[in-house]
Amino acid sequence: MSLLELIERADERTLAAAAVACLDRCLPLLAGAGTEPLRPLWASCEEGRDWANRLASVRRELDADAGAVPGADDPAALVRASLATAPSDFAAPALREWADLCSLVALRVHGRFDAPDGGRAEDGDDLVEAARTGEPAALGPLVAGELERQVRILEILAETSGTTGSGAGLRKALDLSTEGRRVLRAVMSRRARVRG
């Protein structure tokens, strides 16, 4: 099943966790971000309990950590803008739209680090859209890895939704997200050393 099909069939819990996971993997871009600033949102993904309050708290924390205002096309700005669009209501239609946006932003961010100069490839967005529909696409290694993580997280969450193992499914999704965050952090560190 394609990434977009998985998003279309997902329930609230899966959509919320998938979106949070996408942003979680992009945290290395947010200078000054605490080690786990999205943890309160992860805690609300199971049943949406206290979602709106925790979302507001996370936004305040990340806004307080924000440094200089980057350009709107800057990867960190894209991540912050994605968090800003998170719905306060824990309802499937709004969460589906947000999960779709977060998926796309995470893939674009990873694509920037696949590009040698950190810019956007001319056909990058078209390739990402094709890959999200399940069509074969010539993706860079970071984007391909991110796409694979997104699909795997959606599958794990769908398999465990409404079961006694639903908490374990969220834990697996968090673990996969943490692994992806380490990958991006390592790539950013390597790029900084080469430029430095």
C-alpha atoms as a PDB file:
ATOM      1  CA  MET A   1       0.000   0.000   0.000  1.00  0.00           C
ATOM      2  CA  SER A   2       1.298   3.477  -0.825  1.00  0.00           C
ATOM      3  CA  LEU A   3       2.038   6.142   1.760  1.00  0.00           C
ATOM      4  CA  LEU A   4      -0.960   8.207   0.624  1.00  0.00           C
ATOM      5  CA  GLU A   5      -3.268   5.180   0.839  1.00  0.00           C
ATOM      6  CA  LEU A   6      -2.074   4.479   4.372  1.00  0.00           C
ATOM      7  CA  ILE A   7      -2.756   8.088   5.366  1.00  0.00           C
ATOM      8  CA  GLU A   8      -6.196   7.954   3.772  1.00  0.00           C
ATOM      9  CA  ARG A   9      -7.191   4.817   5.746  1.00  0.00           C
ATOM     10  CA  ALA A  10      -5.666   5.844   9.081  1.00  0.00           C
ATOM     11  CA  ASP A  11      -7.595   6.612  12.264  1.00  0.00           C
ATOM     12  CA  GLU A  12      -7.040   9.616  14.542  1.00  0.00           C
ATOM     13  CA  ARG A  13      -4.383   7.916  16.664  1.00  0.00           C
ATOM     14  CA  THR A  14      -2.383   6.810  13.640  1.00  0.00           C
ATOM     15  CA  LEU A  15      -2.658  10.181  11.906  1.00  0.00           C
ATOM     16  CA  ALA A  16      -1.594  12.156  14.978  1.00  0.00           C
ATOM     17  CA  ALA A  17       1.338   9.863  15.744  1.00  0.00           C
ATOM     18  CA  ALA A  18       2.488   9.770  12.112  1.00  0.00           C
ATOM     19  CA  ALA A  19       2.474  13.577  11.908  1.00  0.00           C
ATOM     20  CA  VAL A  20       4.271  13.994  15.233  1.00  0.00           C
ATOM     21  CA  ALA A  21       6.813  11.387  14.130  1.00  0.00           C
ATOM     22  CA  CYS A  22       7.552  13.313  10.923  1.00  0.00           C
ATOM     23  CA  LEU A  23       8.217  16.499  12.890  1.00  0.00           C
ATOM     24  CA  ASP A  24      10.134  14.572  15.535  1.00  0.00           C
ATOM     25  CA  ARG A  25      12.609  13.332  12.936  1.00  0.00           C
ATOM     26  CA  CYS A  26      13.228  16.932  11.821  1.00  0.00           C
ATOM     27  CA  LEU A  27      14.041  18.240  15.326  1.00  0.00           C
ATOM     28  CA  PRO A  28      17.810  18.527  14.681  1.00  0.00           C
ATOM     29  CA  LEU A  29      16.967  21.514  12.461  1.00  0.00           C
ATOM     30  CA  LEU A  30      15.496  23.477  15.343  1.00  0.00           C
ATOM     31  CA  ALA A  31      18.441  25.054  17.115  1.00  0.00           C
ATOM     32  CA  GLY A  32      17.913  25.138  20.846  1.00  0.00           C
ATOM     33  CA  ALA A  33      15.148  22.551  20.725  1.00  0.00           C
ATOM     34  CA  GLY A  34      15.171  20.390  23.824  1.00  0.00           C
ATOM     35  CA  THR A  35      15.942  16.741  23.416  1.00  0.00           C
ATOM     36  CA  GLU A  36      12.288  15.695  23.514  1.00  0.00           C
ATOM     37  CA  PRO A  37      10.082  18.780  23.003  1.00  0.00           C
ATOM     38  CA  LEU A  38       7.381  16.756  21.237  1.00  0.00           C
ATOM     39  CA  ARG A  39       7.086  14.152  24.002  1.00  0.00           C
ATOM     40  CA  PRO A  40       3.836  15.695  25.364  1.00  0.00           C
ATOM     41  CA  LEU A  41       2.217  15.248  21.941  1.00  0.00           C
ATOM     42  CA  TRP A  42       3.343  11.625  21.757  1.00  0.00           C
ATOM     43  CA  ALA A  43       1.599  11.097  25.102  1.00  0.00           C
ATOM     44  CA  SER A  44      -1.676  12.446  23.661  1.00  0.00           C
ATOM     45  CA  CYS A  45      -1.656  10.365  20.479  1.00  0.00           C
ATOM     46  CA  GLU A  46      -3.293   7.285  22.002  1.00  0.00           C
ATOM     47  CA  GLU A  47      -6.687   8.823  22.750  1.00  0.00           C
ATOM     48  CA  GLY A  48      -6.262  12.541  22.103  1.00  0.00           C
ATOM     49  CA  ARG A  49      -6.395  13.243  25.820  1.00  0.00           C
ATOM     50  CA  ASP A  50      -5.366  16.843  26.528  1.00  0.00           C
ATOM     51  CA  TRP A  51      -4.209  17.204  22.896  1.00  0.00           C
ATOM     52  CA  ALA A  52      -5.045  20.918  22.516  1.00  0.00           C
ATOM     53  CA  ASN A  53      -3.330  21.929  25.777  1.00  0.00           C
ATOM     54  CA  ARG A  54      -0.237  19.862  25.075  1.00  0.00           C
ATOM     55  CA  LEU A  55      -0.054  21.200  21.527  1.00  0.00           C
ATOM     56  CA  ALA A  56      -0.186  24.782  22.809  1.00  0.00           C
ATOM     57  CA  SER A  57       2.542  23.987  25.352  1.00  0.00           C
ATOM     58  CA  VAL A  58       4.833  22.457  22.712  1.00  0.00           C
ATOM     59  CA  ARG A  59       4.316  25.450  20.417  1.00  0.00           C
ATOM     60  CA  ARG A  60       5.229  27.843  23.236  1.00  0.00           C
ATOM     61  CA  GLU A  61       8.366  25.861  24.082  1.00  0.00           C
ATOM     62  CA  LEU A  62       9.592  25.733  20.500  1.00  0.00           C
ATOM     63  CA  ASP A  63       8.705  29.388  19.881  1.00  0.00           C
ATOM     64  CA  ALA A  64      10.695  30.369  22.969  1.00  0.00           C
ATOM     65  CA  ASP A  65      13.669  28.399  21.626  1.00  0.00           C
ATOM     66  CA  ALA A  66      13.435  30.015  18.171  1.00  0.00           C
ATOM     67  CA  GLY A  67      16.389  32.145  17.170  1.00  0.00           C
ATOM     68  CA  ALA A  68      16.556  34.488  14.224  1.00  0.00           C
ATOM     69  CA  VAL A  69      13.603  34.324  11.859  1.00  0.00           C
ATOM     70  CA  PRO A  70      14.698  32.280   8.822  1.00  0.00           C
ATOM     71  CA  GLY A  71      13.272  32.577   5.330  1.00  0.00           C
ATOM     72  CA  ALA A  72       9.972  30.850   4.657  1.00  0.00           C
ATOM     73  CA  ASP A  73      11.743  28.261   2.474  1.00  0.00           C
ATOM     74  CA  ASP A  74      14.289  27.415   5.175  1.00  0.00           C
ATOM     75  CA  PRO A  75      13.924  23.780   6.370  1.00  0.00           C
ATOM     76  CA  ALA A  76      13.583  24.807  10.030  1.00  0.00           C
ATOM     77  CA  ALA A  77      10.885  27.320   9.081  1.00  0.00           C
ATOM     78  CA  LEU A  78       9.000  24.586   7.226  1.00  0.00           C
ATOM     79  CA  VAL A  79       9.061  22.401  10.341  1.00  0.00           C
ATOM     80  CA  ARG A  80       7.884  25.236  12.600  1.00  0.00           C
ATOM     81  CA  ALA A  81       5.135  26.146  10.136  1.00  0.00           C
ATOM     82  CA  SER A  82       3.974  22.512  10.114  1.00  0.00           C
ATOM     83  CA  LEU A  83       3.678  22.519  13.887  1.00  0.00           C
ATOM     84  CA  ALA A  84       1.797  25.817  13.708  1.00  0.00           C
ATOM     85  CA  THR A  85      -0.825  24.214  11.442  1.00  0.00           C
ATOM     86  CA  ALA A  86      -1.491  21.282  13.776  1.00  0.00           C
ATOM     87  CA  PRO A  87      -5.206  21.063  14.504  1.00  0.00           C
ATOM     88  CA  SER A  88      -6.367  21.630  18.062  1.00  0.00           C
ATOM     89  CA  ASP A  89      -9.228  19.190  17.493  1.00  0.00           C
ATOM     90  CA  PHE A  90      -8.312  15.517  17.662  1.00  0.00           C
ATOM     91  CA  ALA A  91     -10.507  14.614  14.684  1.00  0.00           C
ATOM     92  CA  ALA A  92      -9.643  12.516  11.634  1.00  0.00           C
ATOM     93  CA  PRO A  93     -10.287  15.014   8.801  1.00  0.00           C
ATOM     94  CA  ALA A  94      -8.054  17.749  10.231  1.00  0.00           C
ATOM     95  CA  LEU A  95      -5.434  15.266  11.450  1.00  0.00           C
ATOM     96  CA  ARG A  96      -5.353  13.617   7.996  1.00  0.00           C
ATOM     97  CA  GLU A  97      -4.616  16.942   6.324  1.00  0.00           C
ATOM     98  CA  TRP A  98      -1.926  17.693   8.924  1.00  0.00           C
ATOM     99  CA  ALA A  99      -0.339  14.225   8.630  1.00  0.00           C
ATOM    100  CA  ASP A 100      -0.185  14.642   4.855  1.00  0.00           C
ATOM    101  CA  LEU A 101       1.498  18.046   5.219  1.00  0.00           C
ATOM    102  CA  CYS A 102       3.998  16.790   7.816  1.00  0.00           C
ATOM    103  CA  SER A 103       4.873  13.828   5.608  1.00  0.00           C
ATOM    104  CA  LEU A 104       5.587  16.106   2.676  1.00  0.00           C
ATOM    105  CA  VAL A 105       7.614  18.565   4.777  1.00  0.00           C
ATOM    106  CA  ALA A 106       9.742  15.783   6.282  1.00  0.00           C
ATOM    107  CA  LEU A 107      10.469  14.362   2.827  1.00  0.00           C
ATOM    108  CA  ARG A 108      11.371  17.810   1.471  1.00  0.00           C
ATOM    109  CA  VAL A 109      13.649  18.494   4.433  1.00  0.00           C
ATOM    110  CA  HIS A 110      15.458  15.202   3.924  1.00  0.00           C
ATOM    111  CA  GLY A 111      15.709  16.006   0.222  1.00  0.00           C
ATOM    112  CA  ARG A 112      17.614  19.188   1.067  1.00  0.00           C
ATOM    113  CA  PHE A 113      20.272  17.115   2.770  1.00  0.00           C
ATOM    114  CA  ASP A 114      20.441  14.711  -0.167  1.00  0.00           C
ATOM    115  CA  ALA A 115      21.307  17.675  -2.406  1.00  0.00           C
ATOM    116  CA  PRO A 116      25.033  18.538  -2.330  1.00  0.00           C
ATOM    117  CA  ASP A 117      24.426  22.269  -1.871  1.00  0.00           C
ATOM    118  CA  GLY A 118      21.446  21.903   0.483  1.00  0.00           C
ATOM    119  CA  GLY A 119      19.112  23.392  -2.129  1.00  0.00           C
ATOM    120  CA  ARG A 120      16.036  21.946  -3.735  1.00  0.00           C
ATOM    121  CA  ALA A 121      16.349  19.670  -6.731  1.00  0.00           C
ATOM    122  CA  GLU A 122      14.338  20.960  -9.677  1.00  0.00           C
ATOM    123  CA  ASP A 123      12.242  17.805  -9.954  1.00  0.00           C
ATOM    124  CA  GLY A 124      12.475  16.916  -6.242  1.00  0.00           C
ATOM    125  CA  ASP A 125       8.853  17.675  -5.401  1.00  0.00           C
ATOM    126  CA  ASP A 126       7.582  15.690  -8.391  1.00  0.00           C
ATOM    127  CA  LEU A 127       9.718  12.688  -7.413  1.00  0.00           C
ATOM    128  CA  VAL A 128       8.496  12.869  -3.814  1.00  0.00           C
ATOM    129  CA  GLU A 129       4.848  13.054  -4.905  1.00  0.00           C
ATOM    130  CA  ALA A 130       5.336  10.074  -7.224  1.00  0.00           C
ATOM    131  CA  ALA A 131       7.005   8.058  -4.458  1.00  0.00           C
ATOM    132  CA  ARG A 132       4.205   8.890  -2.016  1.00  0.00           C
ATOM    133  CA  THR A 133       1.675   7.389  -4.453  1.00  0.00           C
ATOM    134  CA  GLY A 134       3.738   4.215  -4.712  1.00  0.00           C
ATOM    135  CA  GLU A 135       5.241   4.902  -8.139  1.00  0.00           C
ATOM    136  CA  PRO A 136       8.934   4.097  -8.547  1.00  0.00           C
ATOM    137  CA  ALA A 137      11.021   7.244  -8.222  1.00  0.00           C
ATOM    138  CA  ALA A 138      14.752   7.979  -8.249  1.00  0.00           C
ATOM    139  CA  LEU A 139      15.023   9.301  -4.704  1.00  0.00           C
ATOM    140  CA  GLY A 140      18.183  10.185  -2.834  1.00  0.00           C
ATOM    141  CA  PRO A 141      19.158   7.925   0.082  1.00  0.00           C
ATOM    142  CA  LEU A 142      17.875  10.242   2.820  1.00  0.00           C
ATOM    143  CA  VAL A 143      14.492  10.760   1.166  1.00  0.00           C
ATOM    144  CA  ALA A 144      14.175   7.038   0.429  1.00  0.00           C
ATOM    145  CA  GLY A 145      14.974   6.226   4.056  1.00  0.00           C
ATOM    146  CA  GLU A 146      12.490   8.811   5.310  1.00  0.00           C
ATOM    147  CA  LEU A 147       9.772   7.481   2.989  1.00  0.00           C
ATOM    148  CA  GLU A 148      10.432   3.952   4.227  1.00  0.00           C
ATOM    149  CA  ARG A 149      10.217   5.096   7.872  1.00  0.00           C
ATOM    150  CA  GLN A 150       6.927   6.909   7.214  1.00  0.00           C
ATOM    151  CA  VAL A 151       5.363   3.847   5.591  1.00  0.00           C
ATOM    152  CA  ARG A 152       6.631   1.529   8.338  1.00  0.00           C
ATOM    153  CA  ILE A 153       5.321   3.799  11.101  1.00  0.00           C
ATOM    154  CA  LEU A 154       1.875   4.009   9.475  1.00  0.00           C
ATOM    155  CA  GLU A 155       1.815   0.210   9.070  1.00  0.00           C
ATOM    156  CA  ILE A 156       2.822  -0.424  12.695  1.00  0.00           C
ATOM    157  CA  LEU A 157       0.241   2.017  13.986  1.00  0.00           C
ATOM    158  CA  ALA A 158      -2.519   0.594  11.764  1.00  0.00           C
ATOM    159  CA  GLU A 159      -1.700  -2.975  12.850  1.00  0.00           C
ATOM    160  CA  THR A 160      -1.922  -2.092  16.538  1.00  0.00           C
ATOM    161  CA  SER A 161      -4.844   0.354  16.414  1.00  0.00           C
ATOM    162  CA  GLY A 162      -7.629  -0.638  18.795  1.00  0.00           C
ATOM    163  CA  THR A 163      -5.691  -3.584  20.209  1.00  0.00           C
ATOM    164  CA  THR A 164      -4.204  -4.239  23.615  1.00  0.00           C
ATOM    165  CA  GLY A 165      -0.808  -3.646  21.987  1.00  0.00           C
ATOM    166  CA  SER A 166      -1.626  -0.127  20.820  1.00  0.00           C
ATOM    167  CA  GLY A 167       0.790   1.407  23.341  1.00  0.00           C
ATOM    168  CA  ALA A 168       3.555  -0.865  22.066  1.00  0.00           C
ATOM    169  CA  GLY A 169       2.783   0.310  18.526  1.00  0.00           C
ATOM    170  CA  LEU A 170       3.246   3.923  19.575  1.00  0.00           C
ATOM    171  CA  ARG A 171       6.515   2.981  21.280  1.00  0.00           C
ATOM    172  CA  LYS A 172       7.786   1.316  18.087  1.00  0.00           C
ATOM    173  CA  ALA A 173       6.816   4.416  16.099  1.00  0.00           C
ATOM    174  CA  LEU A 174       8.715   6.607  18.577  1.00  0.00           C
ATOM    175  CA  ASP A 175      11.769   4.330  18.351  1.00  0.00           C
ATOM    176  CA  LEU A 176      11.754   4.493  14.544  1.00  0.00           C
ATOM    177  CA  SER A 177      11.407   8.247  14.713  1.00  0.00           C
ATOM    178  CA  THR A 178      14.321   8.540  17.143  1.00  0.00           C
ATOM    179  CA  GLU A 179      16.452   6.470  14.777  1.00  0.00           C
ATOM    180  CA  GLY A 180      15.532   8.813  11.903  1.00  0.00           C
ATOM    181  CA  ARG A 181      16.393  11.846  14.030  1.00  0.00           C
ATOM    182  CA  ARG A 182      19.859  10.377  14.692  1.00  0.00           C
ATOM    183  CA  VAL A 183      20.388   9.865  10.963  1.00  0.00           C
ATOM    184  CA  LEU A 184      19.503  13.474  10.142  1.00  0.00           C
ATOM    185  CA  ARG A 185      21.610  14.797  13.021  1.00  0.00           C
ATOM    186  CA  ALA A 186      24.617  12.780  11.768  1.00  0.00           C
ATOM    187  CA  VAL A 187      24.178  14.098   8.217  1.00  0.00           C
ATOM    188  CA  MET A 188      23.914  17.674   9.475  1.00  0.00           C
ATOM    189  CA  SER A 189      27.019  17.214  11.613  1.00  0.00           C
ATOM    190  CA  ARG A 190      28.997  15.765   8.710  1.00  0.00           C
ATOM    191  CA  ARG A 191      27.921  18.611   6.434  1.00  0.00           C
ATOM    192  CA  ALA A 192      28.924  21.197   9.060  1.00  0.00           C
ATOM    193  CA  ARG A 193      32.396  19.596   9.395  1.00  0.00           C
ATOM    194  CA  VAL A 194      32.898  19.626   5.624  1.00  0.00           C
ATOM    195  CA  ARG A 195      31.871  23.267   5.365  1.00  0.00           C
ATOM    196  CA  GLY A 196      33.699  24.296   8.543  1.00  0.00           C
END
